[in-house]
Amino acid sequence: MSDQETPLFSKIYELFSRLYDAGKKFPKRDRYTLGQRIENCCLDLLELIIEAGNAPKQEKMPSLKKANTKLEVLKVLLRTCNDKKLLRDKNYLALQEILQEAGKMLGGWIRYQNRF
């Protein structure tokens, strides 16, 4: 199985796809500020997951830690969108659920790597 087919990659890809669609509905001002920042952060997260997946065991941890930070930033950005009423509650809850699942997967990967 390639890194692009891992459950964590798939989860983040699903998140990006939903965020991309949601961002199209943001007001123009927010689409090119907050919306763009969210999309870029999610793409950075995908890149870090690929990077960690392709790295030798002893070199995975820096990418995983950066990915964890990106995930936390995404949570804050999504909460900001919700506070500013840029997302419907239903969409926000669905995105938060994906983020929570991805966080658990990433946390498990980090704990596994810490064993070495």
PDB file of N, CA and C in Angstrom:
ATOM      1  N   MET A   1       0.849  -1.186   0.000  1.00  0.00           N
ATOM      2  CA  MET A   1       0.000   0.000   0.000  1.00  0.00           C
ATOM      3  C   MET A   1       0.883   1.234   0.000  1.00  0.00           C
ATOM      4  N   SER A   2       0.640   2.153  -0.896  1.00  0.00           N
ATOM      5  CA  SER A   2       1.422   3.377  -0.942  1.00  0.00           C
ATOM      6  C   SER A   2       0.935   4.347   0.129  1.00  0.00           C
ATOM      7  N   ASP A   3       1.758   5.366   0.411  1.00  0.00           N
ATOM      8  CA  ASP A   3       1.404   6.333   1.440  1.00  0.00           C
ATOM      9  C   ASP A   3       0.117   7.066   1.102  1.00  0.00           C
ATOM     10  N   GLN A   4      -0.166   7.245  -0.175  1.00  0.00           N
ATOM     11  CA  GLN A   4      -1.367   7.946  -0.567  1.00  0.00           C
ATOM     12  C   GLN A   4      -2.625   7.124  -0.273  1.00  0.00           C
ATOM     13  N   GLU A   5      -2.472   5.858   0.066  1.00  0.00           N
ATOM     14  CA  GLU A   5      -3.612   5.005   0.339  1.00  0.00           C
ATOM     15  C   GLU A   5      -3.775   4.712   1.818  1.00  0.00           C
ATOM     16  N   THR A   6      -2.951   5.275   2.669  1.00  0.00           N
ATOM     17  CA  THR A   6      -3.071   5.024   4.096  1.00  0.00           C
ATOM     18  C   THR A   6      -4.345   5.675   4.627  1.00  0.00           C
ATOM     19  N   PRO A   7      -4.899   5.139   5.698  1.00  0.00           N
ATOM     20  CA  PRO A   7      -6.116   5.743   6.259  1.00  0.00           C
ATOM     21  C   PRO A   7      -5.924   7.213   6.672  1.00  0.00           C
ATOM     22  N   LEU A   8      -4.772   7.557   7.220  1.00  0.00           N
ATOM     23  CA  LEU A   8      -4.537   8.946   7.624  1.00  0.00           C
ATOM     24  C   LEU A   8      -4.499   9.870   6.410  1.00  0.00           C
ATOM     25  N   PHE A   9      -3.799   9.471   5.371  1.00  0.00           N
ATOM     26  CA  PHE A   9      -3.767  10.282   4.146  1.00  0.00           C
ATOM     27  C   PHE A   9      -5.181  10.452   3.598  1.00  0.00           C
ATOM     28  N   SER A  10      -5.923   9.364   3.539  1.00  0.00           N
ATOM     29  CA  SER A  10      -7.290   9.415   3.016  1.00  0.00           C
ATOM     30  C   SER A  10      -8.166  10.352   3.839  1.00  0.00           C
ATOM     31  N   LYS A  11      -7.997  10.318   5.153  1.00  0.00           N
ATOM     32  CA  LYS A  11      -8.787  11.165   6.036  1.00  0.00           C
ATOM     33  C   LYS A  11      -8.470  12.645   5.796  1.00  0.00           C
ATOM     34  N   ILE A  12      -7.196  12.979   5.676  1.00  0.00           N
ATOM     35  CA  ILE A  12      -6.800  14.367   5.447  1.00  0.00           C
ATOM     36  C   ILE A  12      -7.210  14.807   4.045  1.00  0.00           C
ATOM     37  N   TYR A  13      -7.130  13.914   3.086  1.00  0.00           N
ATOM     38  CA  TYR A  13      -7.572  14.239   1.722  1.00  0.00           C
ATOM     39  C   TYR A  13      -9.076  14.536   1.711  1.00  0.00           C
ATOM     40  N   GLU A  14      -9.839  13.734   2.431  1.00  0.00           N
ATOM     41  CA  GLU A  14     -11.282  13.977   2.549  1.00  0.00           C
ATOM     42  C   GLU A  14     -11.536  15.335   3.200  1.00  0.00           C
ATOM     43  N   LEU A  15     -10.762  15.642   4.231  1.00  0.00           N
ATOM     44  CA  LEU A  15     -10.881  16.934   4.900  1.00  0.00           C
ATOM     45  C   LEU A  15     -10.607  18.076   3.926  1.00  0.00           C
ATOM     46  N   PHE A  16      -9.527  17.954   3.164  1.00  0.00           N
ATOM     47  CA  PHE A  16      -9.194  18.996   2.197  1.00  0.00           C
ATOM     48  C   PHE A  16     -10.311  19.176   1.180  1.00  0.00           C
ATOM     49  N   SER A  17     -10.832  18.092   0.678  1.00  0.00           N
ATOM     50  CA  SER A  17     -11.891  18.152  -0.325  1.00  0.00           C
ATOM     51  C   SER A  17     -13.118  18.887   0.222  1.00  0.00           C
ATOM     52  N   ARG A  18     -13.497  18.566   1.437  1.00  0.00           N
ATOM     53  CA  ARG A  18     -14.655  19.227   2.049  1.00  0.00           C
ATOM     54  C   ARG A  18     -14.370  20.699   2.340  1.00  0.00           C
ATOM     55  N   LEU A  19     -13.155  20.977   2.809  1.00  0.00           N
ATOM     56  CA  LEU A  19     -12.788  22.369   3.090  1.00  0.00           C
ATOM     57  C   LEU A  19     -12.768  23.196   1.809  1.00  0.00           C
ATOM     58  N   TYR A  20     -12.270  22.596   0.751  1.00  0.00           N
ATOM     59  CA  TYR A  20     -12.222  23.280  -0.545  1.00  0.00           C
ATOM     60  C   TYR A  20     -13.629  23.666  -1.000  1.00  0.00           C
ATOM     61  N   ASP A  21     -14.551  22.715  -0.893  1.00  0.00           N
ATOM     62  CA  ASP A  21     -15.935  22.979  -1.285  1.00  0.00           C
ATOM     63  C   ASP A  21     -16.579  24.027  -0.379  1.00  0.00           C
ATOM     64  N   ALA A  22     -16.324  23.935   0.911  1.00  0.00           N
ATOM     65  CA  ALA A  22     -16.901  24.898   1.859  1.00  0.00           C
ATOM     66  C   ALA A  22     -16.342  26.295   1.615  1.00  0.00           C
ATOM     67  N   GLY A  23     -15.071  26.378   1.275  1.00  0.00           N
ATOM     68  CA  GLY A  23     -14.433  27.670   1.049  1.00  0.00           C
ATOM     69  C   GLY A  23     -15.023  28.442  -0.122  1.00  0.00           C
ATOM     70  N   LYS A  24     -15.577  27.724  -1.082  1.00  0.00           N
ATOM     71  CA  LYS A  24     -16.197  28.382  -2.235  1.00  0.00           C
ATOM     72  C   LYS A  24     -17.401  29.221  -1.823  1.00  0.00           C
ATOM     73  N   LYS A  25     -17.990  28.879  -0.693  1.00  0.00           N
ATOM     74  CA  LYS A  25     -19.191  29.573  -0.225  1.00  0.00           C
ATOM     75  C   LYS A  25     -18.872  30.708   0.742  1.00  0.00           C
ATOM     76  N   PHE A  26     -17.605  30.880   1.091  1.00  0.00           N
ATOM     77  CA  PHE A  26     -17.216  31.976   1.975  1.00  0.00           C
ATOM     78  C   PHE A  26     -17.399  33.307   1.248  1.00  0.00           C
ATOM     79  N   PRO A  27     -17.702  34.363   1.988  1.00  0.00           N
ATOM     80  CA  PRO A  27     -17.695  35.686   1.363  1.00  0.00           C
ATOM     81  C   PRO A  27     -16.303  35.967   0.783  1.00  0.00           C
ATOM     82  N   LYS A  28     -16.249  36.809  -0.244  1.00  0.00           N
ATOM     83  CA  LYS A  28     -14.997  37.054  -0.962  1.00  0.00           C
ATOM     84  C   LYS A  28     -13.852  37.417  -0.025  1.00  0.00           C
ATOM     85  N   ARG A  29     -14.095  38.311   0.910  1.00  0.00           N
ATOM     86  CA  ARG A  29     -13.051  38.753   1.839  1.00  0.00           C
ATOM     87  C   ARG A  29     -12.460  37.563   2.612  1.00  0.00           C
ATOM     88  N   ASP A  30     -13.325  36.693   3.086  1.00  0.00           N
ATOM     89  CA  ASP A  30     -12.877  35.557   3.893  1.00  0.00           C
ATOM     90  C   ASP A  30     -12.303  34.429   3.043  1.00  0.00           C
ATOM     91  N   ARG A  31     -12.791  34.306   1.817  1.00  0.00           N
ATOM     92  CA  ARG A  31     -12.312  33.244   0.930  1.00  0.00           C
ATOM     93  C   ARG A  31     -10.818  33.405   0.645  1.00  0.00           C
ATOM     94  N   TYR A  32     -10.388  34.649   0.461  1.00  0.00           N
ATOM     95  CA  TYR A  32      -8.997  34.891   0.087  1.00  0.00           C
ATOM     96  C   TYR A  32      -8.089  35.160   1.275  1.00  0.00           C
ATOM     97  N   THR A  33      -8.623  35.092   2.463  1.00  0.00           N
ATOM     98  CA  THR A  33      -7.788  35.222   3.658  1.00  0.00           C
ATOM     99  C   THR A  33      -7.869  33.926   4.453  1.00  0.00           C
ATOM    100  N   LEU A  34      -8.912  33.797   5.222  1.00  0.00           N
ATOM    101  CA  LEU A  34      -9.072  32.620   6.074  1.00  0.00           C
ATOM    102  C   LEU A  34      -9.224  31.334   5.258  1.00  0.00           C
ATOM    103  N   GLY A  35     -10.030  31.385   4.215  1.00  0.00           N
ATOM    104  CA  GLY A  35     -10.242  30.192   3.385  1.00  0.00           C
ATOM    105  C   GLY A  35      -8.956  29.703   2.745  1.00  0.00           C
ATOM    106  N   GLN A  36      -8.181  30.630   2.195  1.00  0.00           N
ATOM    107  CA  GLN A  36      -6.911  30.260   1.563  1.00  0.00           C
ATOM    108  C   GLN A  36      -5.927  29.709   2.588  1.00  0.00           C
ATOM    109  N   ARG A  37      -5.910  30.312   3.763  1.00  0.00           N
ATOM    110  CA  ARG A  37      -5.005  29.853   4.830  1.00  0.00           C
ATOM    111  C   ARG A  37      -5.349  28.425   5.254  1.00  0.00           C
ATOM    112  N   ILE A  38      -6.626  28.137   5.359  1.00  0.00           N
ATOM    113  CA  ILE A  38      -7.072  26.792   5.736  1.00  0.00           C
ATOM    114  C   ILE A  38      -6.668  25.779   4.668  1.00  0.00           C
ATOM    115  N   GLU A  39      -6.912  26.117   3.417  1.00  0.00           N
ATOM    116  CA  GLU A  39      -6.545  25.204   2.325  1.00  0.00           C
ATOM    117  C   GLU A  39      -5.042  24.944   2.315  1.00  0.00           C
ATOM    118  N   ASN A  40      -4.249  25.992   2.443  1.00  0.00           N
ATOM    119  CA  ASN A  40      -2.791  25.826   2.444  1.00  0.00           C
ATOM    120  C   ASN A  40      -2.319  24.992   3.619  1.00  0.00           C
ATOM    121  N   CYS A  41      -2.912  25.210   4.771  1.00  0.00           N
ATOM    122  CA  CYS A  41      -2.539  24.448   5.961  1.00  0.00           C
ATOM    123  C   CYS A  41      -2.850  22.963   5.763  1.00  0.00           C
ATOM    124  N   CYS A  42      -3.993  22.679   5.169  1.00  0.00           N
ATOM    125  CA  CYS A  42      -4.388  21.292   4.914  1.00  0.00           C
ATOM    126  C   CYS A  42      -3.462  20.644   3.883  1.00  0.00           C
ATOM    127  N   LEU A  43      -3.089  21.390   2.851  1.00  0.00           N
ATOM    128  CA  LEU A  43      -2.147  20.860   1.856  1.00  0.00           C
ATOM    129  C   LEU A  43      -0.771  20.621   2.475  1.00  0.00           C
ATOM    130  N   ASP A  44      -0.339  21.520   3.356  1.00  0.00           N
ATOM    131  CA  ASP A  44       0.924  21.320   4.079  1.00  0.00           C
ATOM    132  C   ASP A  44       0.860  20.049   4.916  1.00  0.00           C
ATOM    133  N   LEU A  45      -0.282  19.818   5.541  1.00  0.00           N
ATOM    134  CA  LEU A  45      -0.466  18.616   6.350  1.00  0.00           C
ATOM    135  C   LEU A  45      -0.367  17.360   5.488  1.00  0.00           C
ATOM    136  N   LEU A  46      -0.992  17.380   4.328  1.00  0.00           N
ATOM    137  CA  LEU A  46      -0.882  16.238   3.404  1.00  0.00           C
ATOM    138  C   LEU A  46       0.575  15.990   3.022  1.00  0.00           C
ATOM    139  N   GLU A  47       1.278  17.064   2.728  1.00  0.00           N
ATOM    140  CA  GLU A  47       2.686  16.942   2.349  1.00  0.00           C
ATOM    141  C   GLU A  47       3.521  16.340   3.484  1.00  0.00           C
ATOM    142  N   LEU A  48       3.274  16.772   4.699  1.00  0.00           N
ATOM    143  CA  LEU A  48       4.030  16.246   5.845  1.00  0.00           C
ATOM    144  C   LEU A  48       3.735  14.769   6.092  1.00  0.00           C
ATOM    145  N   ILE A  49       2.510  14.351   5.857  1.00  0.00           N
ATOM    146  CA  ILE A  49       2.160  12.939   6.027  1.00  0.00           C
ATOM    147  C   ILE A  49       2.862  12.090   4.973  1.00  0.00           C
ATOM    148  N   ILE A  50       2.910  12.582   3.754  1.00  0.00           N
ATOM    149  CA  ILE A  50       3.639  11.867   2.699  1.00  0.00           C
ATOM    150  C   ILE A  50       5.124  11.809   3.051  1.00  0.00           C
ATOM    151  N   GLU A  51       5.654  12.945   3.500  1.00  0.00           N
ATOM    152  CA  GLU A  51       7.068  13.020   3.879  1.00  0.00           C
ATOM    153  C   GLU A  51       7.393  12.021   4.986  1.00  0.00           C
ATOM    154  N   ALA A  52       6.552  11.971   6.004  1.00  0.00           N
ATOM    155  CA  ALA A  52       6.782  11.035   7.116  1.00  0.00           C
ATOM    156  C   ALA A  52       6.665   9.589   6.647  1.00  0.00           C
ATOM    157  N   GLY A  53       5.706   9.335   5.788  1.00  0.00           N
ATOM    158  CA  GLY A  53       5.524   7.980   5.283  1.00  0.00           C
ATOM    159  C   GLY A  53       6.692   7.488   4.450  1.00  0.00           C
ATOM    160  N   ASN A  54       7.375   8.394   3.775  1.00  0.00           N
ATOM    161  CA  ASN A  54       8.504   8.014   2.923  1.00  0.00           C
ATOM    162  C   ASN A  54       9.845   8.059   3.636  1.00  0.00           C
ATOM    163  N   ALA A  55       9.880   8.605   4.835  1.00  0.00           N
ATOM    164  CA  ALA A  55      11.144   8.739   5.566  1.00  0.00           C
ATOM    165  C   ALA A  55      11.511   7.422   6.252  1.00  0.00           C
ATOM    166  N   PRO A  56      12.822   7.193   6.436  1.00  0.00           N
ATOM    167  CA  PRO A  56      13.245   6.036   7.233  1.00  0.00           C
ATOM    168  C   PRO A  56      12.706   6.170   8.662  1.00  0.00           C
ATOM    169  N   LYS A  57      12.554   5.059   9.371  1.00  0.00           N
ATOM    170  CA  LYS A  57      11.959   5.060  10.710  1.00  0.00           C
ATOM    171  C   LYS A  57      12.548   6.119  11.632  1.00  0.00           C
ATOM    172  N   GLN A  58      13.854   6.238  11.645  1.00  0.00           N
ATOM    173  CA  GLN A  58      14.512   7.155  12.575  1.00  0.00           C
ATOM    174  C   GLN A  58      14.335   8.626  12.187  1.00  0.00           C
ATOM    175  N   GLU A  59      13.814   8.897  10.998  1.00  0.00           N
ATOM    176  CA  GLU A  59      13.661  10.276  10.528  1.00  0.00           C
ATOM    177  C   GLU A  59      12.203  10.716  10.388  1.00  0.00           C
ATOM    178  N   LYS A  60      11.265   9.898  10.840  1.00  0.00           N
ATOM    179  CA  LYS A  60       9.843  10.217  10.703  1.00  0.00           C
ATOM    180  C   LYS A  60       9.369  11.270  11.700  1.00  0.00           C
ATOM    181  N   MET A  61       9.928  11.265  12.897  1.00  0.00           N
ATOM    182  CA  MET A  61       9.382  12.072  13.984  1.00  0.00           C
ATOM    183  C   MET A  61       9.324  13.579  13.693  1.00  0.00           C
ATOM    184  N   PRO A  62      10.332  14.213  13.095  1.00  0.00           N
ATOM    185  CA  PRO A  62      10.204  15.653  12.825  1.00  0.00           C
ATOM    186  C   PRO A  62       8.987  15.984  11.943  1.00  0.00           C
ATOM    187  N   SER A  63       8.749  15.184  10.924  1.00  0.00           N
ATOM    188  CA  SER A  63       7.591  15.418  10.046  1.00  0.00           C
ATOM    189  C   SER A  63       6.283  15.170  10.788  1.00  0.00           C
ATOM    190  N   LEU A  64       6.269  14.158  11.639  1.00  0.00           N
ATOM    191  CA  LEU A  64       5.050  13.863  12.400  1.00  0.00           C
ATOM    192  C   LEU A  64       4.735  14.974  13.394  1.00  0.00           C
ATOM    193  N   LYS A  65       5.758  15.521  14.026  1.00  0.00           N
ATOM    194  CA  LYS A  65       5.536  16.627  14.973  1.00  0.00           C
ATOM    195  C   LYS A  65       5.024  17.868  14.244  1.00  0.00           C
ATOM    196  N   LYS A  66       5.590  18.148  13.078  1.00  0.00           N
ATOM    197  CA  LYS A  66       5.115  19.297  12.284  1.00  0.00           C
ATOM    198  C   LYS A  66       3.679  19.060  11.827  1.00  0.00           C
ATOM    199  N   ALA A  67       3.378  17.825  11.440  1.00  0.00           N
ATOM    200  CA  ALA A  67       2.016  17.485  11.017  1.00  0.00           C
ATOM    201  C   ALA A  67       1.038  17.681  12.173  1.00  0.00           C
ATOM    202  N   ASN A  68       1.453  17.303  13.367  1.00  0.00           N
ATOM    203  CA  ASN A  68       0.597  17.472  14.539  1.00  0.00           C
ATOM    204  C   ASN A  68       0.318  18.957  14.792  1.00  0.00           C
ATOM    205  N   THR A  69       1.342  19.791  14.624  1.00  0.00           N
ATOM    206  CA  THR A  69       1.164  21.233  14.791  1.00  0.00           C
ATOM    207  C   THR A  69       0.191  21.772  13.746  1.00  0.00           C
ATOM    208  N   LYS A  70       0.339  21.349  12.502  1.00  0.00           N
ATOM    209  CA  LYS A  70      -0.567  21.787  11.438  1.00  0.00           C
ATOM    210  C   LYS A  70      -2.010  21.381  11.742  1.00  0.00           C
ATOM    211  N   LEU A  71      -2.173  20.183  12.284  1.00  0.00           N
ATOM    212  CA  LEU A  71      -3.505  19.706  12.637  1.00  0.00           C
ATOM    213  C   LEU A  71      -4.124  20.594  13.720  1.00  0.00           C
ATOM    214  N   GLU A  72      -3.330  20.983  14.706  1.00  0.00           N
ATOM    215  CA  GLU A  72      -3.820  21.861  15.765  1.00  0.00           C
ATOM    216  C   GLU A  72      -4.178  23.240  15.213  1.00  0.00           C
ATOM    217  N   VAL A  73      -3.375  23.747  14.285  1.00  0.00           N
ATOM    218  CA  VAL A  73      -3.670  25.039  13.653  1.00  0.00           C
ATOM    219  C   VAL A  73      -4.992  24.937  12.875  1.00  0.00           C
ATOM    220  N   LEU A  74      -5.188  23.844  12.163  1.00  0.00           N
ATOM    221  CA  LEU A  74      -6.442  23.653  11.426  1.00  0.00           C
ATOM    222  C   LEU A  74      -7.647  23.678  12.357  1.00  0.00           C
ATOM    223  N   LYS A  75      -7.510  23.076  13.526  1.00  0.00           N
ATOM    224  CA  LYS A  75      -8.606  23.086  14.500  1.00  0.00           C
ATOM    225  C   LYS A  75      -8.968  24.515  14.890  1.00  0.00           C
ATOM    226  N   VAL A  76      -7.949  25.325  15.136  1.00  0.00           N
ATOM    227  CA  VAL A  76      -8.187  26.723  15.516  1.00  0.00           C
ATOM    228  C   VAL A  76      -8.820  27.502  14.366  1.00  0.00           C
ATOM    229  N   LEU A  77      -8.325  27.291  13.157  1.00  0.00           N
ATOM    230  CA  LEU A  77      -8.877  27.993  11.998  1.00  0.00           C
ATOM    231  C   LEU A  77     -10.329  27.608  11.749  1.00  0.00           C
ATOM    232  N   LEU A  78     -10.640  26.336  11.915  1.00  0.00           N
ATOM    233  CA  LEU A  78     -12.025  25.897  11.735  1.00  0.00           C
ATOM    234  C   LEU A  78     -12.930  26.472  12.811  1.00  0.00           C
ATOM    235  N   ARG A  79     -12.421  26.515  14.032  1.00  0.00           N
ATOM    236  CA  ARG A  79     -13.208  27.107  15.119  1.00  0.00           C
ATOM    237  C   ARG A  79     -13.482  28.586  14.820  1.00  0.00           C
ATOM    238  N   THR A  80     -12.482  29.263  14.259  1.00  0.00           N
ATOM    239  CA  THR A  80     -12.655  30.663  13.880  1.00  0.00           C
ATOM    240  C   THR A  80     -13.742  30.795  12.812  1.00  0.00           C
ATOM    241  N   CYS A  81     -13.723  29.919  11.830  1.00  0.00           N
ATOM    242  CA  CYS A  81     -14.768  29.932  10.795  1.00  0.00           C
ATOM    243  C   CYS A  81     -16.142  29.738  11.411  1.00  0.00           C
ATOM    244  N   ASN A  82     -16.240  28.844  12.350  1.00  0.00           N
ATOM    245  CA  ASN A  82     -17.514  28.599  13.008  1.00  0.00           C
ATOM    246  C   ASN A  82     -17.951  29.823  13.811  1.00  0.00           C
ATOM    247  N   ASP A  83     -17.021  30.421  14.536  1.00  0.00           N
ATOM    248  CA  ASP A  83     -17.338  31.616  15.333  1.00  0.00           C
ATOM    249  C   ASP A  83     -17.807  32.773  14.452  1.00  0.00           C
ATOM    250  N   LYS A  84     -17.238  32.887  13.268  1.00  0.00           N
ATOM    251  CA  LYS A  84     -17.597  33.969  12.344  1.00  0.00           C
ATOM    252  C   LYS A  84     -18.787  33.596  11.454  1.00  0.00           C
ATOM    253  N   LYS A  85     -19.377  32.442  11.723  1.00  0.00           N
ATOM    254  CA  LYS A  85     -20.561  31.960  10.994  1.00  0.00           C
ATOM    255  C   LYS A  85     -20.289  31.771   9.502  1.00  0.00           C
ATOM    256  N   LEU A  86     -19.073  31.332   9.174  1.00  0.00           N
ATOM    257  CA  LEU A  86     -18.719  31.062   7.784  1.00  0.00           C
ATOM    258  C   LEU A  86     -19.096  29.635   7.382  1.00  0.00           C
ATOM    259  N   LEU A  87     -19.338  28.797   8.374  1.00  0.00           N
ATOM    260  CA  LEU A  87     -19.722  27.407   8.138  1.00  0.00           C
ATOM    261  C   LEU A  87     -21.053  27.136   8.820  1.00  0.00           C
ATOM    262  N   ARG A  88     -21.855  26.326   8.206  1.00  0.00           N
ATOM    263  CA  ARG A  88     -23.069  25.857   8.869  1.00  0.00           C
ATOM    264  C   ARG A  88     -22.649  24.899   9.984  1.00  0.00           C
ATOM    265  N   ASP A  89     -23.449  24.856  11.016  1.00  0.00           N
ATOM    266  CA  ASP A  89     -23.118  23.995  12.160  1.00  0.00           C
ATOM    267  C   ASP A  89     -22.923  22.546  11.729  1.00  0.00           C
ATOM    268  N   LYS A  90     -23.768  22.086  10.818  1.00  0.00           N
ATOM    269  CA  LYS A  90     -23.679  20.702  10.331  1.00  0.00           C
ATOM    270  C   LYS A  90     -22.319  20.457   9.665  1.00  0.00           C
ATOM    271  N   ASN A  91     -21.893  21.391   8.814  1.00  0.00           N
ATOM    272  CA  ASN A  91     -20.592  21.258   8.140  1.00  0.00           C
ATOM    273  C   ASN A  91     -19.448  21.330   9.140  1.00  0.00           C
ATOM    274  N   TYR A  92     -19.550  22.261  10.068  1.00  0.00           N
ATOM    275  CA  TYR A  92     -18.506  22.405  11.082  1.00  0.00           C
ATOM    276  C   TYR A  92     -18.348  21.121  11.885  1.00  0.00           C
ATOM    277  N   LEU A  93     -19.455  20.553  12.314  1.00  0.00           N
ATOM    278  CA  LEU A  93     -19.394  19.319  13.106  1.00  0.00           C
ATOM    279  C   LEU A  93     -18.801  18.163  12.299  1.00  0.00           C
ATOM    280  N   ALA A  94     -19.150  18.072  11.025  1.00  0.00           N
ATOM    281  CA  ALA A  94     -18.601  17.013  10.165  1.00  0.00           C
ATOM    282  C   ALA A  94     -17.089  17.198   9.994  1.00  0.00           C
ATOM    283  N   LEU A  95     -16.654  18.440   9.786  1.00  0.00           N
ATOM    284  CA  LEU A  95     -15.215  18.720   9.639  1.00  0.00           C
ATOM    285  C   LEU A  95     -14.472  18.452  10.938  1.00  0.00           C
ATOM    286  N   GLN A  96     -15.064  18.817  12.054  1.00  0.00           N
ATOM    287  CA  GLN A  96     -14.435  18.563  13.351  1.00  0.00           C
ATOM    288  C   GLN A  96     -14.297  17.067  13.601  1.00  0.00           C
ATOM    289  N   GLU A  97     -15.283  16.313  13.196  1.00  0.00           N
ATOM    290  CA  GLU A  97     -15.228  14.861  13.374  1.00  0.00           C
ATOM    291  C   GLU A  97     -14.066  14.264  12.567  1.00  0.00           C
ATOM    292  N   ILE A  98     -13.901  14.728  11.338  1.00  0.00           N
ATOM    293  CA  ILE A  98     -12.786  14.255  10.510  1.00  0.00           C
ATOM    294  C   ILE A  98     -11.461  14.634  11.161  1.00  0.00           C
ATOM    295  N   LEU A  99     -11.373  15.860  11.656  1.00  0.00           N
ATOM    296  CA  LEU A  99     -10.146  16.314  12.326  1.00  0.00           C
ATOM    297  C   LEU A  99      -9.841  15.484  13.561  1.00  0.00           C
ATOM    298  N   GLN A 100     -10.868  15.162  14.331  1.00  0.00           N
ATOM    299  CA  GLN A 100     -10.673  14.351  15.535  1.00  0.00           C
ATOM    300  C   GLN A 100     -10.148  12.956  15.181  1.00  0.00           C
ATOM    301  N   GLU A 101     -10.741  12.357  14.166  1.00  0.00           N
ATOM    302  CA  GLU A 101     -10.292  11.032  13.729  1.00  0.00           C
ATOM    303  C   GLU A 101      -8.850  11.087  13.226  1.00  0.00           C
ATOM    304  N   ALA A 102      -8.543  12.108  12.431  1.00  0.00           N
ATOM    305  CA  ALA A 102      -7.178  12.261  11.919  1.00  0.00           C
ATOM    306  C   ALA A 102      -6.206  12.484  13.073  1.00  0.00           C
ATOM    307  N   GLY A 103      -6.621  13.246  14.065  1.00  0.00           N
ATOM    308  CA  GLY A 103      -5.775  13.483  15.239  1.00  0.00           C
ATOM    309  C   GLY A 103      -5.472  12.203  15.994  1.00  0.00           C
ATOM    310  N   LYS A 104      -6.460  11.352  16.120  1.00  0.00           N
ATOM    311  CA  LYS A 104      -6.242  10.059  16.795  1.00  0.00           C
ATOM    312  C   LYS A 104      -5.268   9.195  15.997  1.00  0.00           C
ATOM    313  N   MET A 105      -5.436   9.183  14.683  1.00  0.00           N
ATOM    314  CA  MET A 105      -4.538   8.392  13.829  1.00  0.00           C
ATOM    315  C   MET A 105      -3.107   8.919  13.922  1.00  0.00           C
ATOM    316  N   LEU A 106      -2.971  10.222  13.838  1.00  0.00           N
ATOM    317  CA  LEU A 106      -1.647  10.834  13.901  1.00  0.00           C
ATOM    318  C   LEU A 106      -1.021  10.612  15.272  1.00  0.00           C
ATOM    319  N   GLY A 107      -1.812  10.768  16.317  1.00  0.00           N
ATOM    320  CA  GLY A 107      -1.318  10.526  17.671  1.00  0.00           C
ATOM    321  C   GLY A 107      -0.847   9.092  17.856  1.00  0.00           C
ATOM    322  N   GLY A 108      -1.579   8.149  17.288  1.00  0.00           N
ATOM    323  CA  GLY A 108      -1.167   6.743  17.354  1.00  0.00           C
ATOM    324  C   GLY A 108       0.143   6.506  16.632  1.00  0.00           C
ATOM    325  N   TRP A 109       0.321   7.138  15.492  1.00  0.00           N
ATOM    326  CA  TRP A 109       1.551   7.008  14.716  1.00  0.00           C
ATOM    327  C   TRP A 109       2.730   7.590  15.511  1.00  0.00           C
ATOM    328  N   ILE A 110       2.503   8.730  16.138  1.00  0.00           N
ATOM    329  CA  ILE A 110       3.558   9.361  16.942  1.00  0.00           C
ATOM    330  C   ILE A 110       3.915   8.471  18.133  1.00  0.00           C
ATOM    331  N   ARG A 111       2.909   7.933  18.816  1.00  0.00           N
ATOM    332  CA  ARG A 111       3.196   7.028  19.956  1.00  0.00           C
ATOM    333  C   ARG A 111       3.972   5.799  19.491  1.00  0.00           C
ATOM    334  N   TYR A 112       3.603   5.267  18.332  1.00  0.00           N
ATOM    335  CA  TYR A 112       4.305   4.107  17.792  1.00  0.00           C
ATOM    336  C   TYR A 112       5.767   4.459  17.503  1.00  0.00           C
ATOM    337  N   GLN A 113       6.001   5.618  16.915  1.00  0.00           N
ATOM    338  CA  GLN A 113       7.372   6.036  16.595  1.00  0.00           C
ATOM    339  C   GLN A 113       8.193   6.295  17.851  1.00  0.00           C
ATOM    340  N   ASN A 114       7.548   6.735  18.919  1.00  0.00           N
ATOM    341  CA  ASN A 114       8.259   6.998  20.163  1.00  0.00           C
ATOM    342  C   ASN A 114       8.806   5.723  20.805  1.00  0.00           C
ATOM    343  N   ARG A 115       8.308   4.582  20.385  1.00  0.00           N
ATOM    344  CA  ARG A 115       8.792   3.308  20.928  1.00  0.00           C
ATOM    345  C   ARG A 115      10.209   2.990  20.458  1.00  0.00           C
ATOM    346  N   PHE A 116      10.658   3.654  19.421  1.00  0.00           N
ATOM    347  CA  PHE A 116      11.983   3.336  18.846  1.00  0.00           C
ATOM    348  C   PHE A 116      13.038   4.265  19.381  1.00  0.00           C
TER     349      PHE A 116
END
